[in-house]
Amino acid sequence: TGPLCSVDQLVLQVPAQPLLEGDTVTLRCQVWQNMSVTDVKFYRGDDEVSRSLSGTELSLSPLQLHHSG
């Protein structure tokens, strides 16, 4: 099934500063208009790297070169 809200209502929040190997980063999936977000999937290219039915964050720690992309 597709998203229950329009994709243009979704925002992926990422840090504005450059990141280095060894750092910790948290990516957040947010939606406008206080709608609830469920069944969040994070992808790198075409590969699913994380799926959560309740969480909206993906934390990577420590960052490694293969996390780029």
Protein backbone atom coordinates (compact mmCIF):
# COMPACT_ATOMS: atom_id res chain seq x y z
CA THR A 1 0.00 0.00 0.00
CA GLY A 2 1.06 3.59 -0.54
CA PRO A 3 1.32 6.43 1.94
CA LEU A 4 -1.88 7.57 3.64
CA CYS A 5 -0.76 11.15 3.22
CA SER A 6 0.61 12.88 0.16
CA VAL A 7 4.38 12.53 -0.24
CA ASP A 8 4.72 16.31 -0.46
CA GLN A 9 3.57 16.43 3.19
CA LEU A 10 6.60 14.38 4.32
CA VAL A 11 9.93 15.91 5.34
CA LEU A 12 13.21 14.08 5.97
CA GLN A 13 15.14 16.05 8.58
CA VAL A 14 18.92 15.72 8.32
CA PRO A 15 21.75 17.62 10.03
CA ALA A 16 22.89 20.79 8.27
CA GLN A 17 26.53 20.39 9.26
CA PRO A 18 29.05 18.10 7.54
CA LEU A 19 29.46 14.67 9.10
CA LEU A 20 32.63 12.64 9.53
CA GLU A 21 33.33 8.96 10.02
CA GLY A 22 32.77 8.08 13.67
CA ASP A 23 30.03 10.71 14.18
CA THR A 24 26.47 9.86 15.18
CA VAL A 25 23.59 11.04 12.99
CA THR A 26 19.83 10.80 13.43
CA LEU A 27 17.47 11.09 10.46
CA ARG A 28 13.84 11.97 11.21
CA CYS A 29 10.75 11.54 9.08
CA GLN A 30 8.22 14.30 9.86
CA VAL A 31 4.82 15.09 8.41
CA TRP A 32 3.06 18.45 8.16
CA GLN A 33 -0.25 19.26 9.87
CA ASN A 34 0.37 17.04 12.94
CA MET A 35 -0.68 13.87 11.13
CA SER A 36 0.59 10.62 12.64
CA VAL A 37 3.39 8.75 10.92
CA THR A 38 3.50 4.94 10.96
CA ASP A 39 5.26 2.24 8.97
CA VAL A 40 8.32 4.37 8.21
CA LYS A 41 10.88 2.92 5.81
CA PHE A 42 14.34 4.38 5.25
CA TYR A 43 16.13 3.62 1.97
CA ARG A 44 19.64 4.01 0.63
CA GLY A 45 19.19 3.91 -3.12
CA ASP A 46 16.76 1.06 -3.79
CA ASP A 47 17.70 -0.87 -0.64
CA GLU A 48 15.59 -0.66 2.51
CA VAL A 49 17.91 -0.05 5.47
CA SER A 50 15.35 0.29 8.25
CA ARG A 51 11.63 -0.14 8.86
CA SER A 52 9.60 0.84 11.89
CA LEU A 53 5.88 0.59 12.52
CA SER A 54 6.02 3.23 15.25
CA GLY A 55 9.35 5.07 15.19
CA THR A 56 10.18 7.95 12.88
CA GLU A 57 13.95 8.09 13.44
CA LEU A 58 16.98 6.26 12.10
CA SER A 59 20.21 6.63 14.08
CA LEU A 60 23.56 5.65 12.60
CA SER A 61 26.47 5.35 14.99
CA PRO A 62 29.31 5.34 14.41
CA LEU A 63 29.08 6.64 10.86
CA GLN A 64 31.11 4.63 8.38
CA LEU A 65 32.02 5.27 4.76
CA HIS A 66 29.46 2.72 3.52
CA HIS A 67 26.64 4.85 5.07
CA SER A 68 27.21 7.57 2.44
CA GLY A 69 24.99 8.02 -0.56
